Amino acid sequence: MSKSAWKQKFIDPYLLSTKFKNAKKKVVWSRSSTIPEFLVGQAVFIHNGKDFIKSYITREKVGFKFGEFAYTRRFTRKIDKKIKKVKAKAKK
């Protein structure tokens, strides 16, 4: 279910402040904020709960949420059977 059309998109007031606009390192903690147009072409550090992830804002990202570009889960690849066999032989 989408948000009502008459409601405005949520943008954290800190993003509109002069402190954020004049900062050398733009840091965002609000993952639920919508990406505004004035950030196009700039690098932003988005907090994922543990670290800050650098993301470049492009025209295509405007209107999406900051949290969509800072993943909170780490992708781990499953270990191949061959690697498991080599490790098992090394232990013997």
Protein backbone atom coordinates (compact mmCIF):
# COMPACT_ATOMS: atom_id res chain seq x y z
CA MET A 1 0.00 0.00 0.00
CA SER A 2 1.48 3.32 -1.04
CA LYS A 3 1.53 6.62 0.80
CA SER A 4 -1.40 8.99 0.18
CA ALA A 5 -0.87 11.46 -2.64
CA TRP A 6 -1.77 14.50 -0.49
CA LYS A 7 0.94 13.70 2.05
CA GLN A 8 4.36 15.12 1.36
CA LYS A 9 7.49 13.03 1.15
CA PHE A 10 9.42 12.80 4.42
CA ILE A 11 12.70 14.69 4.54
CA ASP A 12 14.55 14.99 7.85
CA PRO A 13 14.80 18.66 8.93
CA TYR A 14 18.55 18.20 9.43
CA LEU A 15 18.96 17.67 5.67
CA LEU A 16 17.43 21.09 5.03
CA SER A 17 19.56 22.88 7.63
CA THR A 18 22.56 25.04 6.80
CA LYS A 19 24.80 22.79 8.92
CA PHE A 20 24.23 19.91 6.51
CA LYS A 21 24.48 21.99 3.34
CA ASN A 22 27.79 23.61 4.37
CA ALA A 23 29.39 20.44 5.76
CA LYS A 24 32.41 18.99 3.98
CA LYS A 25 31.40 15.41 4.81
CA LYS A 26 27.66 14.97 4.39
CA VAL A 27 26.53 12.32 6.88
CA VAL A 28 22.96 10.97 6.95
CA TRP A 29 21.51 8.99 9.85
CA SER A 30 17.91 9.16 8.66
CA ARG A 31 17.50 6.14 6.39
CA SER A 32 13.76 6.78 6.04
CA SER A 33 14.22 10.23 4.49
CA THR A 34 13.52 10.74 0.82
CA ILE A 35 16.51 11.81 -1.29
CA PRO A 36 16.02 15.49 -2.27
CA GLU A 37 16.96 17.00 -5.63
CA PHE A 38 19.61 19.39 -4.27
CA LEU A 39 21.93 16.46 -3.44
CA VAL A 40 22.34 15.35 -7.07
CA GLY A 41 26.01 14.97 -7.94
CA GLN A 42 27.23 14.84 -4.34
CA ALA A 43 28.61 12.05 -2.18
CA VAL A 44 26.70 11.20 0.99
CA PHE A 45 27.65 8.87 3.83
CA ILE A 46 24.60 6.83 4.91
CA HIS A 47 24.57 5.09 8.31
CA ASN A 48 23.56 1.42 8.11
CA GLY A 49 23.53 0.78 11.86
CA LYS A 50 27.22 -0.01 12.16
CA ASP A 51 29.21 1.85 9.52
CA PHE A 52 28.80 4.73 7.11
CA ILE A 53 28.48 3.70 3.47
CA LYS A 54 29.46 6.18 0.77
CA SER A 55 26.86 6.69 -1.93
CA TYR A 56 26.89 9.06 -4.90
CA ILE A 57 23.52 10.67 -5.53
CA THR A 58 22.38 10.61 -9.16
CA ARG A 59 19.18 11.79 -10.83
CA GLU A 60 17.83 8.26 -10.79
CA LYS A 61 18.08 8.05 -6.98
CA VAL A 62 15.97 11.17 -6.32
CA GLY A 63 12.66 10.21 -4.71
CA PHE A 64 13.93 6.96 -3.22
CA LYS A 65 14.83 6.47 0.44
CA PHE A 66 18.43 6.69 1.70
CA GLY A 67 18.07 3.27 3.33
CA GLU A 68 17.63 1.56 -0.02
CA PHE A 69 21.26 2.28 -0.90
CA ALA A 70 22.91 1.33 2.41
CA TYR A 71 22.42 -2.36 3.01
CA THR A 72 22.32 -3.54 6.61
CA ARG A 73 23.13 -7.17 5.87
CA ARG A 74 26.43 -8.49 4.58
CA PHE A 75 26.34 -10.72 1.53
CA THR A 76 28.30 -13.92 2.10
CA ARG A 77 28.88 -16.40 -0.67
CA LYS A 78 28.44 -20.08 0.05
CA ILE A 79 31.69 -22.02 0.17
CA ASP A 80 32.26 -24.41 -2.71
CA LYS A 81 32.56 -28.11 -2.01
CA LYS A 82 36.09 -28.09 -3.41
CA ILE A 83 37.26 -25.54 -0.87
CA LYS A 84 35.72 -27.59 1.93
CA LYS A 85 37.62 -30.69 0.78
CA VAL A 86 40.92 -28.80 0.68
CA LYS A 87 40.39 -27.50 4.20
CA ALA A 88 39.48 -30.98 5.44
CA LYS A 89 42.70 -32.44 3.95
CA ALA A 90 44.78 -29.65 5.47
CA LYS A 91 43.48 -30.44 8.96
CA LYS A 92 44.57 -34.11 8.69
